[in-house]
């Protein structure tokens, strides 16, 4: 079983390949809808990557900080991330 870090790195490699493919499609003047479809797939993959990273953060860093009594720090971080995600 892969570690969370390995899973994140694997997904990043996939995204890099998708971005290279997107750039190639633009360079080759491919059909706009095909380019848009890949762009949307990349955006979805990024959202899924964010969920994976957040899940690891909650299970690791947040759990440890709560055990240490750093609830305000956790709340501020999560509120900040939520705020960024809503923009």
C-alpha atoms as a PDB file:
ATOM      1  CA  UNK A   1       0.000   0.000   0.000  1.00  0.00           C
ATOM      2  CA  UNK A   2       1.312   3.431  -0.916  1.00  0.00           C
ATOM      3  CA  UNK A   3       1.891   6.136   1.662  1.00  0.00           C
ATOM      4  CA  UNK A   4      -0.163   9.338   1.393  1.00  0.00           C
ATOM      5  CA  UNK A   5       2.942  11.132   0.101  1.00  0.00           C
ATOM      6  CA  UNK A   6       3.435   8.475  -2.591  1.00  0.00           C
ATOM      7  CA  UNK A   7      -0.210   8.778  -3.618  1.00  0.00           C
ATOM      8  CA  UNK A   8       0.091  12.578  -3.884  1.00  0.00           C
ATOM      9  CA  UNK A   9       3.298  12.347  -5.918  1.00  0.00           C
ATOM     10  CA  UNK A  10       1.715   9.779  -8.230  1.00  0.00           C
ATOM     11  CA  UNK A  11      -1.269  12.042  -8.879  1.00  0.00           C
ATOM     12  CA  UNK A  12       1.038  15.009  -9.513  1.00  0.00           C
ATOM     13  CA  UNK A  13       2.910  12.983 -12.135  1.00  0.00           C
ATOM     14  CA  UNK A  14      -0.393  12.171 -13.826  1.00  0.00           C
ATOM     15  CA  UNK A  15      -1.366  15.854 -13.762  1.00  0.00           C
ATOM     16  CA  UNK A  16       1.978  16.844 -15.288  1.00  0.00           C
ATOM     17  CA  UNK A  17       1.309  14.441 -18.147  1.00  0.00           C
ATOM     18  CA  UNK A  18      -2.179  15.813 -18.625  1.00  0.00           C
ATOM     19  CA  UNK A  19      -0.843  19.380 -18.676  1.00  0.00           C
ATOM     20  CA  UNK A  20       1.785  18.466 -21.254  1.00  0.00           C
ATOM     21  CA  UNK A  21      -0.971  16.867 -23.316  1.00  0.00           C
ATOM     22  CA  UNK A  22      -3.100  19.983 -22.979  1.00  0.00           C
ATOM     23  CA  UNK A  23      -0.230  22.186 -24.128  1.00  0.00           C
ATOM     24  CA  UNK A  24       0.387  19.886 -27.102  1.00  0.00           C
ATOM     25  CA  UNK A  25      -3.293  20.033 -28.048  1.00  0.00           C
ATOM     26  CA  UNK A  26      -3.195  23.830 -28.001  1.00  0.00           C
ATOM     27  CA  UNK A  27       0.036  23.881 -30.036  1.00  0.00           C
ATOM     28  CA  UNK A  28      -1.528  21.544 -32.592  1.00  0.00           C
ATOM     29  CA  UNK A  29      -4.726  23.605 -32.799  1.00  0.00           C
ATOM     30  CA  UNK A  30      -6.905  20.668 -31.764  1.00  0.00           C
ATOM     31  CA  UNK A  31     -10.672  20.999 -31.556  1.00  0.00           C
ATOM     32  CA  UNK A  32     -11.605  23.507 -28.830  1.00  0.00           C
ATOM     33  CA  UNK A  33     -14.114  21.219 -27.131  1.00  0.00           C
ATOM     34  CA  UNK A  34     -11.454  18.502 -26.859  1.00  0.00           C
ATOM     35  CA  UNK A  35      -9.061  20.988 -25.269  1.00  0.00           C
ATOM     36  CA  UNK A  36     -11.766  22.188 -22.909  1.00  0.00           C
ATOM     37  CA  UNK A  37     -12.670  18.604 -21.978  1.00  0.00           C
ATOM     38  CA  UNK A  38      -9.076  17.857 -20.992  1.00  0.00           C
ATOM     39  CA  UNK A  39      -8.819  21.156 -19.119  1.00  0.00           C
ATOM     40  CA  UNK A  40     -11.923  20.290 -17.106  1.00  0.00           C
ATOM     41  CA  UNK A  41     -10.553  16.811 -16.399  1.00  0.00           C
ATOM     42  CA  UNK A  42      -7.353  18.401 -15.076  1.00  0.00           C
ATOM     43  CA  UNK A  43      -9.362  20.728 -12.850  1.00  0.00           C
ATOM     44  CA  UNK A  44     -11.288  17.773 -11.464  1.00  0.00           C
ATOM     45  CA  UNK A  45      -8.049  15.878 -10.857  1.00  0.00           C
ATOM     46  CA  UNK A  46      -6.669  18.890  -8.975  1.00  0.00           C
ATOM     47  CA  UNK A  47      -9.775  18.967  -6.785  1.00  0.00           C
ATOM     48  CA  UNK A  48      -9.337  15.277  -6.055  1.00  0.00           C
ATOM     49  CA  UNK A  49      -5.675  15.911  -5.220  1.00  0.00           C
ATOM     50  CA  UNK A  50      -6.738  18.642  -2.802  1.00  0.00           C
ATOM     51  CA  UNK A  51      -9.124  16.227  -1.103  1.00  0.00           C
ATOM     52  CA  UNK A  52      -6.356  13.640  -0.761  1.00  0.00           C
ATOM     53  CA  UNK A  53      -3.996  16.212   0.762  1.00  0.00           C
ATOM     54  CA  UNK A  54      -6.703  17.514   3.107  1.00  0.00           C
ATOM     55  CA  UNK A  55      -7.597  13.990   4.213  1.00  0.00           C
ATOM     56  CA  UNK A  56      -3.958  13.274   5.072  1.00  0.00           C
ATOM     57  CA  UNK A  57      -3.702  16.591   6.901  1.00  0.00           C
ATOM     58  CA  UNK A  58      -6.820  15.867   8.960  1.00  0.00           C
ATOM     59  CA  UNK A  59      -5.685  12.374   9.894  1.00  0.00           C
ATOM     60  CA  UNK A  60      -2.134  13.434  10.722  1.00  0.00           C
ATOM     61  CA  UNK A  61      -1.386  17.056  11.490  1.00  0.00           C
ATOM     62  CA  UNK A  62      -4.837  18.059  12.727  1.00  0.00           C
ATOM     63  CA  UNK A  63      -5.186  15.009  14.953  1.00  0.00           C
ATOM     64  CA  UNK A  64      -1.774  15.701  16.506  1.00  0.00           C
ATOM     65  CA  UNK A  65      -2.486  19.403  17.006  1.00  0.00           C
ATOM     66  CA  UNK A  66      -5.800  18.646  18.704  1.00  0.00           C
ATOM     67  CA  UNK A  67      -4.053  16.175  21.020  1.00  0.00           C
ATOM     68  CA  UNK A  68      -1.606  18.976  21.874  1.00  0.00           C
ATOM     69  CA  UNK A  69      -4.473  21.365  22.623  1.00  0.00           C
ATOM     70  CA  UNK A  70      -3.886  23.543  19.544  1.00  0.00           C
ATOM     71  CA  UNK A  71      -7.564  23.698  18.622  1.00  0.00           C
ATOM     72  CA  UNK A  72      -7.494  27.403  17.734  1.00  0.00           C
ATOM     73  CA  UNK A  73      -4.594  26.843  15.330  1.00  0.00           C
ATOM     74  CA  UNK A  74      -6.501  24.014  13.636  1.00  0.00           C
ATOM     75  CA  UNK A  75      -9.681  26.073  13.404  1.00  0.00           C
ATOM     76  CA  UNK A  76      -7.808  29.052  11.929  1.00  0.00           C
ATOM     77  CA  UNK A  77      -6.047  26.891   9.333  1.00  0.00           C
ATOM     78  CA  UNK A  78      -9.194  25.098   8.248  1.00  0.00           C
ATOM     79  CA  UNK A  79     -11.202  28.311   8.148  1.00  0.00           C
ATOM     80  CA  UNK A  80      -8.469  29.894   6.029  1.00  0.00           C
ATOM     81  CA  UNK A  81      -8.410  27.001   3.582  1.00  0.00           C
ATOM     82  CA  UNK A  82     -12.191  26.991   3.357  1.00  0.00           C
ATOM     83  CA  UNK A  83     -12.149  30.725   2.679  1.00  0.00           C
ATOM     84  CA  UNK A  84      -9.592  30.333  -0.122  1.00  0.00           C
ATOM     85  CA  UNK A  85     -11.595  27.509  -1.666  1.00  0.00           C
ATOM     86  CA  UNK A  86     -14.700  29.688  -1.846  1.00  0.00           C
ATOM     87  CA  UNK A  87     -13.079  32.441  -3.912  1.00  0.00           C
END
